[in-house]
Amino acid sequence: MDKITQQRIQKLHPKVREEVIKIIEDCDKELTGRAKIRITQGFRTFDEQDQLYAIGRTKPGKKVTNAKAGQSIHNYGLAVDICLIIDGKTVSWDTAKDWDNDKVADWYECVKVFAKHGWSWGGNWKTFKDLPHFEKGSIKTKTSEIKTTWRNLIKLPKDKAGYIIF
């Protein structure tokens, strides 16, 4: 796992950090060839979310998100975006390439690993597909399981570090 990915994991919600480390390790085991996984985005502040939302609306460019501040699971540290790093230097978002020649696209090997850990993939969304995006579907607490929709998360209290309290 590269240093950039490690740094981004440390900004995720504390409840998912160890799980994401395991997911990345599992992905890297599946990717037996030239590709390794990198987290390109993890936790995102409300301000950063509003800046992204403005692209294609009040700022030039193609729309990159339909989520305003508070409406992205990234805003709660429960989502990651990924890319593949080829040969330790080249960034790829190619979802079809089979870098390890095992007859399965490397990207989809990672999709399967995230799914095994209960994370949903933005590539399965009906509209505005987000192929690099994965998010935690729910969080188990001592007494219940909370679906990690923004409508649920935005109501929850935060700790001193700004993370949702589960």
N, C-alpha and C. Protein backbone atom coordinates (compact mmCIF):
# COMPACT_ATOMS: atom_id res chain seq x y z
N MET A 1 0.85 -1.17 0.00
CA MET A 1 0.00 0.00 0.00
C MET A 1 0.90 1.24 0.00
N ASP A 2 0.60 2.18 -0.88
CA ASP A 2 1.47 3.35 -0.98
C ASP A 2 1.17 4.39 0.11
N LYS A 3 2.09 5.31 0.27
CA LYS A 3 2.02 6.31 1.33
C LYS A 3 0.80 7.22 1.18
N ILE A 4 0.47 7.59 -0.05
CA ILE A 4 -0.68 8.46 -0.31
C ILE A 4 -1.97 7.78 0.18
N THR A 5 -2.12 6.50 -0.14
CA THR A 5 -3.29 5.74 0.30
C THR A 5 -3.33 5.66 1.82
N GLN A 6 -2.19 5.40 2.45
CA GLN A 6 -2.13 5.33 3.92
C GLN A 6 -2.57 6.65 4.54
N GLN A 7 -2.11 7.76 3.99
CA GLN A 7 -2.48 9.08 4.52
C GLN A 7 -3.97 9.33 4.37
N ARG A 8 -4.53 8.94 3.26
CA ARG A 8 -5.96 9.17 3.03
C ARG A 8 -6.82 8.28 3.93
N ILE A 9 -6.35 7.08 4.20
CA ILE A 9 -7.08 6.20 5.11
C ILE A 9 -7.14 6.81 6.50
N GLN A 10 -6.08 7.44 6.94
CA GLN A 10 -6.04 8.02 8.29
C GLN A 10 -7.00 9.19 8.47
N LYS A 11 -7.55 9.72 7.38
CA LYS A 11 -8.54 10.80 7.47
C LYS A 11 -9.97 10.27 7.40
N LEU A 12 -10.13 8.99 7.09
CA LEU A 12 -11.47 8.39 7.05
C LEU A 12 -12.03 8.29 8.46
N HIS A 13 -13.32 8.01 8.55
CA HIS A 13 -13.95 7.82 9.86
C HIS A 13 -13.21 6.69 10.59
N PRO A 14 -12.91 6.88 11.87
CA PRO A 14 -12.17 5.86 12.62
C PRO A 14 -12.82 4.46 12.57
N LYS A 15 -14.13 4.38 12.43
CA LYS A 15 -14.82 3.08 12.39
C LYS A 15 -14.50 2.27 11.15
N VAL A 16 -14.01 2.91 10.07
CA VAL A 16 -13.76 2.16 8.83
C VAL A 16 -12.28 2.07 8.46
N ARG A 17 -11.41 2.70 9.19
CA ARG A 17 -9.99 2.72 8.81
C ARG A 17 -9.39 1.32 8.69
N GLU A 18 -9.55 0.50 9.72
CA GLU A 18 -8.98 -0.86 9.68
C GLU A 18 -9.60 -1.68 8.55
N GLU A 19 -10.90 -1.50 8.35
CA GLU A 19 -11.59 -2.23 7.29
C GLU A 19 -11.05 -1.82 5.91
N VAL A 20 -10.82 -0.54 5.71
CA VAL A 20 -10.30 -0.07 4.42
C VAL A 20 -8.87 -0.58 4.21
N ILE A 21 -8.09 -0.61 5.26
CA ILE A 21 -6.74 -1.19 5.14
C ILE A 21 -6.84 -2.63 4.66
N LYS A 22 -7.74 -3.40 5.26
CA LYS A 22 -7.93 -4.80 4.86
C LYS A 22 -8.42 -4.89 3.41
N ILE A 23 -9.33 -4.03 3.01
CA ILE A 23 -9.84 -4.03 1.63
C ILE A 23 -8.69 -3.76 0.65
N ILE A 24 -7.87 -2.76 0.94
CA ILE A 24 -6.75 -2.43 0.05
C ILE A 24 -5.77 -3.60 -0.02
N GLU A 25 -5.48 -4.20 1.14
CA GLU A 25 -4.59 -5.36 1.15
C GLU A 25 -5.18 -6.50 0.32
N ASP A 26 -6.49 -6.75 0.46
CA ASP A 26 -7.16 -7.81 -0.31
C ASP A 26 -7.14 -7.50 -1.81
N CYS A 27 -7.37 -6.24 -2.15
CA CYS A 27 -7.31 -5.85 -3.57
C CYS A 27 -5.90 -6.10 -4.12
N ASP A 28 -4.90 -5.67 -3.38
CA ASP A 28 -3.53 -5.83 -3.85
C ASP A 28 -3.15 -7.31 -3.97
N LYS A 29 -3.73 -8.18 -3.15
CA LYS A 29 -3.48 -9.63 -3.29
C LYS A 29 -4.12 -10.16 -4.57
N GLU A 30 -5.31 -9.65 -4.89
CA GLU A 30 -6.00 -10.07 -6.12
C GLU A 30 -5.26 -9.57 -7.36
N LEU A 31 -4.68 -8.39 -7.26
CA LEU A 31 -3.98 -7.78 -8.39
C LEU A 31 -2.54 -8.29 -8.41
N THR A 32 -2.35 -9.43 -9.00
CA THR A 32 -1.05 -10.10 -8.94
C THR A 32 -0.07 -9.61 -10.00
N GLY A 33 -0.49 -8.66 -10.80
CA GLY A 33 0.37 -8.17 -11.87
C GLY A 33 0.97 -6.82 -11.57
N ARG A 34 0.84 -5.93 -12.53
CA ARG A 34 1.49 -4.64 -12.49
C ARG A 34 0.68 -3.57 -11.76
N ALA A 35 -0.58 -3.81 -11.49
CA ALA A 35 -1.47 -2.80 -10.89
C ALA A 35 -1.55 -2.94 -9.38
N LYS A 36 -1.67 -1.79 -8.72
CA LYS A 36 -1.96 -1.72 -7.29
C LYS A 36 -3.03 -0.64 -7.12
N ILE A 37 -3.79 -0.75 -6.06
CA ILE A 37 -4.87 0.21 -5.83
C ILE A 37 -4.35 1.42 -5.06
N ARG A 38 -4.91 2.59 -5.39
CA ARG A 38 -4.62 3.82 -4.65
C ARG A 38 -5.95 4.52 -4.35
N ILE A 39 -6.08 5.03 -3.15
CA ILE A 39 -7.23 5.88 -2.82
C ILE A 39 -6.91 7.28 -3.32
N THR A 40 -7.76 7.80 -4.19
CA THR A 40 -7.56 9.15 -4.71
C THR A 40 -8.34 10.19 -3.91
N GLN A 41 -9.39 9.73 -3.22
CA GLN A 41 -10.21 10.64 -2.42
C GLN A 41 -10.84 9.83 -1.31
N GLY A 42 -10.83 10.40 -0.12
CA GLY A 42 -11.49 9.78 1.02
C GLY A 42 -12.41 10.80 1.66
N PHE A 43 -12.06 11.22 2.86
CA PHE A 43 -12.84 12.25 3.54
C PHE A 43 -12.80 13.55 2.76
N ARG A 44 -13.95 14.20 2.67
CA ARG A 44 -14.07 15.49 1.98
C ARG A 44 -14.87 16.43 2.87
N THR A 45 -14.36 17.64 3.09
CA THR A 45 -15.09 18.61 3.91
C THR A 45 -16.33 19.11 3.16
N PHE A 46 -17.23 19.73 3.91
CA PHE A 46 -18.42 20.32 3.29
C PHE A 46 -18.01 21.39 2.29
N ASP A 47 -17.00 22.19 2.61
CA ASP A 47 -16.53 23.23 1.69
C ASP A 47 -15.97 22.62 0.41
N GLU A 48 -15.18 21.58 0.55
CA GLU A 48 -14.64 20.90 -0.64
C GLU A 48 -15.78 20.33 -1.49
N GLN A 49 -16.82 19.82 -0.83
CA GLN A 49 -17.96 19.26 -1.55
C GLN A 49 -18.68 20.36 -2.33
N ASP A 50 -18.88 21.52 -1.71
CA ASP A 50 -19.53 22.63 -2.41
C ASP A 50 -18.70 23.10 -3.60
N GLN A 51 -17.37 23.08 -3.46
CA GLN A 51 -16.49 23.47 -4.58
C GLN A 51 -16.66 22.49 -5.75
N LEU A 52 -16.73 21.19 -5.46
CA LEU A 52 -16.95 20.20 -6.52
C LEU A 52 -18.33 20.35 -7.15
N TYR A 53 -19.34 20.61 -6.30
CA TYR A 53 -20.71 20.77 -6.80
C TYR A 53 -20.81 21.96 -7.76
N ALA A 54 -20.02 22.98 -7.53
CA ALA A 54 -20.05 24.19 -8.37
C ALA A 54 -19.53 23.93 -9.79
N ILE A 55 -18.67 22.93 -9.95
CA ILE A 55 -18.11 22.63 -11.29
C ILE A 55 -19.24 22.19 -12.21
N GLY A 56 -19.33 22.87 -13.34
CA GLY A 56 -20.39 22.58 -14.31
C GLY A 56 -21.67 23.34 -14.02
N ARG A 57 -21.66 24.09 -12.93
CA ARG A 57 -22.83 24.91 -12.59
C ARG A 57 -22.40 26.37 -12.56
N THR A 58 -21.72 26.77 -11.51
CA THR A 58 -21.25 28.17 -11.43
C THR A 58 -19.77 28.30 -11.77
N LYS A 59 -19.09 27.18 -11.93
CA LYS A 59 -17.68 27.15 -12.35
C LYS A 59 -17.59 26.36 -13.64
N PRO A 60 -16.58 26.68 -14.47
CA PRO A 60 -16.46 25.96 -15.74
C PRO A 60 -16.14 24.48 -15.54
N GLY A 61 -16.52 23.67 -16.52
CA GLY A 61 -16.22 22.25 -16.50
C GLY A 61 -17.47 21.40 -16.57
N LYS A 62 -17.23 20.10 -16.67
CA LYS A 62 -18.32 19.12 -16.71
C LYS A 62 -18.69 18.76 -15.28
N LYS A 63 -19.98 18.60 -15.02
CA LYS A 63 -20.43 18.24 -13.67
C LYS A 63 -19.71 16.98 -13.19
N VAL A 64 -19.23 17.04 -11.94
CA VAL A 64 -18.54 15.89 -11.36
C VAL A 64 -19.31 15.25 -10.22
N THR A 65 -20.34 15.94 -9.73
CA THR A 65 -21.15 15.39 -8.64
C THR A 65 -22.52 16.03 -8.63
N ASN A 66 -23.47 15.28 -8.14
CA ASN A 66 -24.81 15.82 -7.90
C ASN A 66 -25.03 16.10 -6.42
N ALA A 67 -23.99 15.87 -5.60
CA ALA A 67 -24.13 16.00 -4.15
C ALA A 67 -23.62 17.34 -3.66
N LYS A 68 -24.49 18.06 -2.97
CA LYS A 68 -24.10 19.30 -2.29
C LYS A 68 -23.43 18.92 -0.96
N ALA A 69 -22.89 19.92 -0.27
CA ALA A 69 -22.28 19.68 1.04
C ALA A 69 -23.25 18.94 1.96
N GLY A 70 -22.75 17.89 2.59
CA GLY A 70 -23.57 17.08 3.48
C GLY A 70 -24.29 15.94 2.80
N GLN A 71 -24.34 15.97 1.45
CA GLN A 71 -25.08 14.95 0.71
C GLN A 71 -24.17 13.86 0.13
N SER A 72 -22.88 13.94 0.40
CA SER A 72 -21.93 12.92 -0.07
C SER A 72 -21.45 12.10 1.12
N ILE A 73 -21.34 10.81 0.92
CA ILE A 73 -20.84 9.94 1.99
C ILE A 73 -19.37 10.25 2.27
N HIS A 74 -18.68 10.88 1.30
CA HIS A 74 -17.31 11.35 1.54
C HIS A 74 -17.26 12.35 2.70
N ASN A 75 -18.32 13.15 2.85
CA ASN A 75 -18.36 14.18 3.90
C ASN A 75 -18.35 13.59 5.31
N TYR A 76 -18.54 12.29 5.41
CA TYR A 76 -18.57 11.62 6.70
C TYR A 76 -17.40 10.63 6.85
N GLY A 77 -16.52 10.63 5.87
CA GLY A 77 -15.36 9.73 5.92
C GLY A 77 -15.70 8.28 5.72
N LEU A 78 -16.81 8.01 5.02
CA LEU A 78 -17.28 6.64 4.82
C LEU A 78 -17.30 6.23 3.36
N ALA A 79 -16.54 6.96 2.52
CA ALA A 79 -16.47 6.65 1.09
C ALA A 79 -15.05 6.89 0.60
N VAL A 80 -14.69 6.14 -0.43
CA VAL A 80 -13.39 6.35 -1.09
C VAL A 80 -13.57 6.30 -2.60
N ASP A 81 -12.71 7.02 -3.29
CA ASP A 81 -12.56 6.89 -4.73
C ASP A 81 -11.19 6.28 -4.96
N ILE A 82 -11.08 5.46 -6.00
CA ILE A 82 -9.81 4.77 -6.25
C ILE A 82 -9.33 4.98 -7.69
N CYS A 83 -8.08 4.66 -7.90
CA CYS A 83 -7.52 4.46 -9.22
C CYS A 83 -6.57 3.28 -9.10
N LEU A 84 -6.02 2.87 -10.22
CA LEU A 84 -4.97 1.86 -10.20
C LEU A 84 -3.65 2.53 -10.54
N ILE A 85 -2.60 2.11 -9.86
CA ILE A 85 -1.25 2.60 -10.16
C ILE A 85 -0.53 1.44 -10.85
N ILE A 86 -0.09 1.70 -12.06
CA ILE A 86 0.55 0.67 -12.87
C ILE A 86 2.07 0.84 -12.79
N ASP A 87 2.74 -0.25 -12.46
CA ASP A 87 4.20 -0.25 -12.35
C ASP A 87 4.71 0.82 -11.39
N GLY A 88 3.90 1.17 -10.40
CA GLY A 88 4.32 2.12 -9.38
C GLY A 88 4.36 3.57 -9.82
N LYS A 89 3.89 3.87 -11.05
CA LYS A 89 3.99 5.26 -11.50
C LYS A 89 2.86 5.77 -12.38
N THR A 90 2.21 4.93 -13.16
CA THR A 90 1.19 5.40 -14.09
C THR A 90 -0.20 5.23 -13.49
N VAL A 91 -0.98 6.31 -13.50
CA VAL A 91 -2.34 6.29 -12.96
C VAL A 91 -3.31 5.80 -14.03
N SER A 92 -4.22 4.90 -13.64
CA SER A 92 -5.19 4.37 -14.59
C SER A 92 -6.58 4.29 -13.94
N TRP A 93 -7.57 4.69 -14.73
CA TRP A 93 -8.97 4.48 -14.36
C TRP A 93 -9.62 3.54 -15.37
N ASP A 94 -8.81 2.77 -16.07
CA ASP A 94 -9.29 1.83 -17.07
C ASP A 94 -9.97 0.67 -16.37
N THR A 95 -11.28 0.54 -16.59
CA THR A 95 -12.04 -0.50 -15.91
C THR A 95 -12.02 -1.82 -16.67
N ALA A 96 -11.44 -1.86 -17.86
CA ALA A 96 -11.46 -3.07 -18.67
C ALA A 96 -10.11 -3.79 -18.72
N LYS A 97 -9.03 -3.11 -18.42
CA LYS A 97 -7.69 -3.68 -18.58
C LYS A 97 -7.43 -4.78 -17.55
N ASP A 98 -6.82 -5.84 -18.02
CA ASP A 98 -6.44 -6.98 -17.19
C ASP A 98 -4.91 -7.00 -17.07
N TRP A 99 -4.38 -6.21 -16.16
CA TRP A 99 -2.93 -6.04 -16.04
C TRP A 99 -2.24 -7.31 -15.57
N ASP A 100 -2.96 -8.19 -14.86
CA ASP A 100 -2.32 -9.41 -14.36
C ASP A 100 -2.65 -10.65 -15.20
N ASN A 101 -3.33 -10.43 -16.33
CA ASN A 101 -3.60 -11.51 -17.31
C ASN A 101 -4.28 -12.73 -16.70
N ASP A 102 -5.23 -12.49 -15.80
CA ASP A 102 -5.97 -13.62 -15.21
C ASP A 102 -7.38 -13.73 -15.78
N LYS A 103 -7.64 -13.02 -16.86
CA LYS A 103 -8.91 -13.05 -17.58
C LYS A 103 -10.04 -12.32 -16.85
N VAL A 104 -9.69 -11.51 -15.82
CA VAL A 104 -10.66 -10.68 -15.13
C VAL A 104 -10.08 -9.27 -15.07
N ALA A 105 -10.86 -8.27 -15.50
CA ALA A 105 -10.39 -6.88 -15.44
C ALA A 105 -10.00 -6.54 -14.02
N ASP A 106 -8.84 -5.94 -13.85
CA ASP A 106 -8.34 -5.63 -12.50
C ASP A 106 -9.32 -4.77 -11.71
N TRP A 107 -9.96 -3.81 -12.39
CA TRP A 107 -10.91 -2.95 -11.71
C TRP A 107 -12.02 -3.78 -11.06
N TYR A 108 -12.52 -4.77 -11.82
CA TYR A 108 -13.63 -5.59 -11.31
C TYR A 108 -13.17 -6.55 -10.22
N GLU A 109 -11.90 -6.89 -10.20
CA GLU A 109 -11.38 -7.65 -9.07
C GLU A 109 -11.52 -6.82 -7.79
N CYS A 110 -11.25 -5.53 -7.90
CA CYS A 110 -11.39 -4.63 -6.74
C CYS A 110 -12.86 -4.43 -6.38
N VAL A 111 -13.73 -4.29 -7.37
CA VAL A 111 -15.17 -4.17 -7.12
C VAL A 111 -15.65 -5.35 -6.29
N LYS A 112 -15.21 -6.55 -6.65
CA LYS A 112 -15.62 -7.76 -5.92
C LYS A 112 -15.12 -7.75 -4.48
N VAL A 113 -13.89 -7.28 -4.27
CA VAL A 113 -13.33 -7.22 -2.91
C VAL A 113 -14.13 -6.24 -2.05
N PHE A 114 -14.40 -5.05 -2.58
CA PHE A 114 -15.19 -4.08 -1.82
C PHE A 114 -16.57 -4.66 -1.49
N ALA A 115 -17.20 -5.31 -2.47
CA ALA A 115 -18.53 -5.90 -2.24
C ALA A 115 -18.48 -6.97 -1.15
N LYS A 116 -17.43 -7.76 -1.15
CA LYS A 116 -17.27 -8.81 -0.12
C LYS A 116 -17.24 -8.20 1.28
N HIS A 117 -16.76 -6.98 1.37
CA HIS A 117 -16.68 -6.28 2.65
C HIS A 117 -17.93 -5.41 2.93
N GLY A 118 -18.94 -5.50 2.05
CA GLY A 118 -20.19 -4.79 2.28
C GLY A 118 -20.21 -3.35 1.80
N TRP A 119 -19.29 -3.00 0.91
CA TRP A 119 -19.25 -1.64 0.36
C TRP A 119 -19.96 -1.63 -0.99
N SER A 120 -20.71 -0.57 -1.26
CA SER A 120 -21.39 -0.46 -2.54
C SER A 120 -20.52 0.33 -3.52
N TRP A 121 -20.76 0.07 -4.80
CA TRP A 121 -19.96 0.65 -5.87
C TRP A 121 -20.78 1.65 -6.68
N GLY A 122 -20.21 2.83 -6.92
CA GLY A 122 -20.86 3.85 -7.73
C GLY A 122 -21.13 3.43 -9.16
N GLY A 123 -20.45 2.40 -9.63
CA GLY A 123 -20.69 1.87 -10.97
C GLY A 123 -22.02 1.15 -11.08
N ASN A 124 -22.62 0.82 -9.95
CA ASN A 124 -23.93 0.16 -9.95
C ASN A 124 -25.09 1.15 -9.86
N TRP A 125 -24.79 2.44 -9.72
CA TRP A 125 -25.85 3.43 -9.63
C TRP A 125 -26.61 3.49 -10.95
N LYS A 126 -27.89 3.76 -10.87
CA LYS A 126 -28.74 3.81 -12.06
C LYS A 126 -28.42 5.02 -12.94
N THR A 127 -28.20 6.17 -12.30
CA THR A 127 -27.85 7.38 -13.05
C THR A 127 -26.56 7.94 -12.47
N PHE A 128 -25.88 8.75 -13.23
CA PHE A 128 -24.64 9.40 -12.81
C PHE A 128 -23.67 8.38 -12.22
N LYS A 129 -23.36 7.36 -13.01
CA LYS A 129 -22.45 6.31 -12.55
C LYS A 129 -21.11 6.92 -12.17
N ASP A 130 -20.56 6.45 -11.05
CA ASP A 130 -19.30 6.97 -10.52
C ASP A 130 -18.37 5.77 -10.31
N LEU A 131 -17.66 5.38 -11.38
CA LEU A 131 -16.88 4.15 -11.37
C LEU A 131 -15.77 4.10 -10.32
N PRO A 132 -15.11 5.21 -9.97
CA PRO A 132 -14.07 5.13 -8.94
C PRO A 132 -14.60 5.08 -7.50
N HIS A 133 -15.90 5.23 -7.30
CA HIS A 133 -16.48 5.45 -5.97
C HIS A 133 -16.97 4.16 -5.29
N PHE A 134 -16.62 4.05 -3.99
CA PHE A 134 -17.10 2.97 -3.13
C PHE A 134 -17.51 3.59 -1.81
N GLU A 135 -18.60 3.07 -1.21
CA GLU A 135 -19.04 3.62 0.07
C GLU A 135 -19.55 2.51 0.99
N LYS A 136 -19.36 2.76 2.27
CA LYS A 136 -19.80 1.83 3.31
C LYS A 136 -21.32 1.85 3.35
N GLY A 137 -21.96 0.68 3.28
CA GLY A 137 -23.41 0.61 3.22
C GLY A 137 -24.11 0.83 4.54
N SER A 138 -23.48 0.37 5.61
CA SER A 138 -24.09 0.54 6.94
C SER A 138 -23.01 0.38 8.01
N ILE A 139 -23.32 0.90 9.19
CA ILE A 139 -22.43 0.80 10.34
C ILE A 139 -23.19 0.11 11.46
N LYS A 140 -22.57 -0.91 12.02
CA LYS A 140 -23.18 -1.60 13.16
C LYS A 140 -22.76 -0.90 14.45
N THR A 141 -23.75 -0.64 15.29
CA THR A 141 -23.49 -0.09 16.61
C THR A 141 -23.77 -1.20 17.63
N LYS A 142 -23.66 -0.89 18.89
CA LYS A 142 -23.94 -1.88 19.93
C LYS A 142 -25.39 -2.31 19.92
N THR A 143 -26.28 -1.40 19.50
CA THR A 143 -27.71 -1.69 19.60
C THR A 143 -28.44 -1.79 18.26
N SER A 144 -27.79 -1.34 17.17
CA SER A 144 -28.51 -1.35 15.89
C SER A 144 -27.53 -1.29 14.72
N GLU A 145 -28.10 -1.21 13.55
CA GLU A 145 -27.31 -1.01 12.32
C GLU A 145 -27.86 0.22 11.63
N ILE A 146 -26.98 1.16 11.30
CA ILE A 146 -27.39 2.42 10.69
C ILE A 146 -27.01 2.40 9.22
N LYS A 147 -28.02 2.59 8.36
CA LYS A 147 -27.72 2.73 6.92
C LYS A 147 -27.00 4.05 6.72
N THR A 148 -25.94 4.03 5.95
CA THR A 148 -25.12 5.22 5.80
C THR A 148 -25.58 6.08 4.62
N THR A 149 -26.84 6.48 4.67
CA THR A 149 -27.33 7.47 3.70
C THR A 149 -27.03 8.85 4.27
N TRP A 150 -26.85 9.82 3.41
CA TRP A 150 -26.55 11.17 3.92
C TRP A 150 -27.70 11.70 4.77
N ARG A 151 -28.93 11.31 4.43
CA ARG A 151 -30.08 11.78 5.22
C ARG A 151 -30.03 11.25 6.65
N ASN A 152 -29.49 10.05 6.84
CA ASN A 152 -29.31 9.52 8.19
C ASN A 152 -28.10 10.17 8.87
N LEU A 153 -27.01 10.28 8.15
CA LEU A 153 -25.76 10.75 8.74
C LEU A 153 -25.79 12.21 9.15
N ILE A 154 -26.46 13.04 8.36
CA ILE A 154 -26.45 14.48 8.62
C ILE A 154 -27.11 14.82 9.96
N LYS A 155 -27.97 13.94 10.45
CA LYS A 155 -28.70 14.17 11.71
C LYS A 155 -27.89 13.78 12.95
N LEU A 156 -26.84 12.99 12.76
CA LEU A 156 -26.12 12.43 13.90
C LEU A 156 -25.13 13.44 14.49
N PRO A 157 -24.91 13.35 15.81
CA PRO A 157 -23.93 14.25 16.45
C PRO A 157 -22.50 13.90 16.03
N LYS A 158 -21.62 14.89 16.18
CA LYS A 158 -20.21 14.69 15.83
C LYS A 158 -19.35 14.81 17.07
N ASP A 159 -18.20 14.16 17.04
CA ASP A 159 -17.25 14.27 18.14
C ASP A 159 -16.37 15.52 17.93
N LYS A 160 -15.41 15.72 18.82
CA LYS A 160 -14.55 16.92 18.75
C LYS A 160 -13.73 16.99 17.47
N ALA A 161 -13.42 15.82 16.89
CA ALA A 161 -12.64 15.79 15.65
C ALA A 161 -13.53 15.99 14.42
N GLY A 162 -14.85 16.04 14.62
CA GLY A 162 -15.78 16.26 13.51
C GLY A 162 -16.36 15.00 12.90
N TYR A 163 -16.06 13.84 13.49
CA TYR A 163 -16.59 12.57 12.97
C TYR A 163 -17.95 12.25 13.61
N ILE A 164 -18.83 11.67 12.80
CA ILE A 164 -20.14 11.22 13.28
C ILE A 164 -19.93 10.26 14.44
N ILE A 165 -20.77 10.39 15.46
CA ILE A 165 -20.73 9.46 16.57
C ILE A 165 -21.77 8.36 16.33
N PHE A 166 -21.27 7.13 16.27
CA PHE A 166 -22.16 5.96 16.08
C PHE A 166 -22.37 5.26 17.40
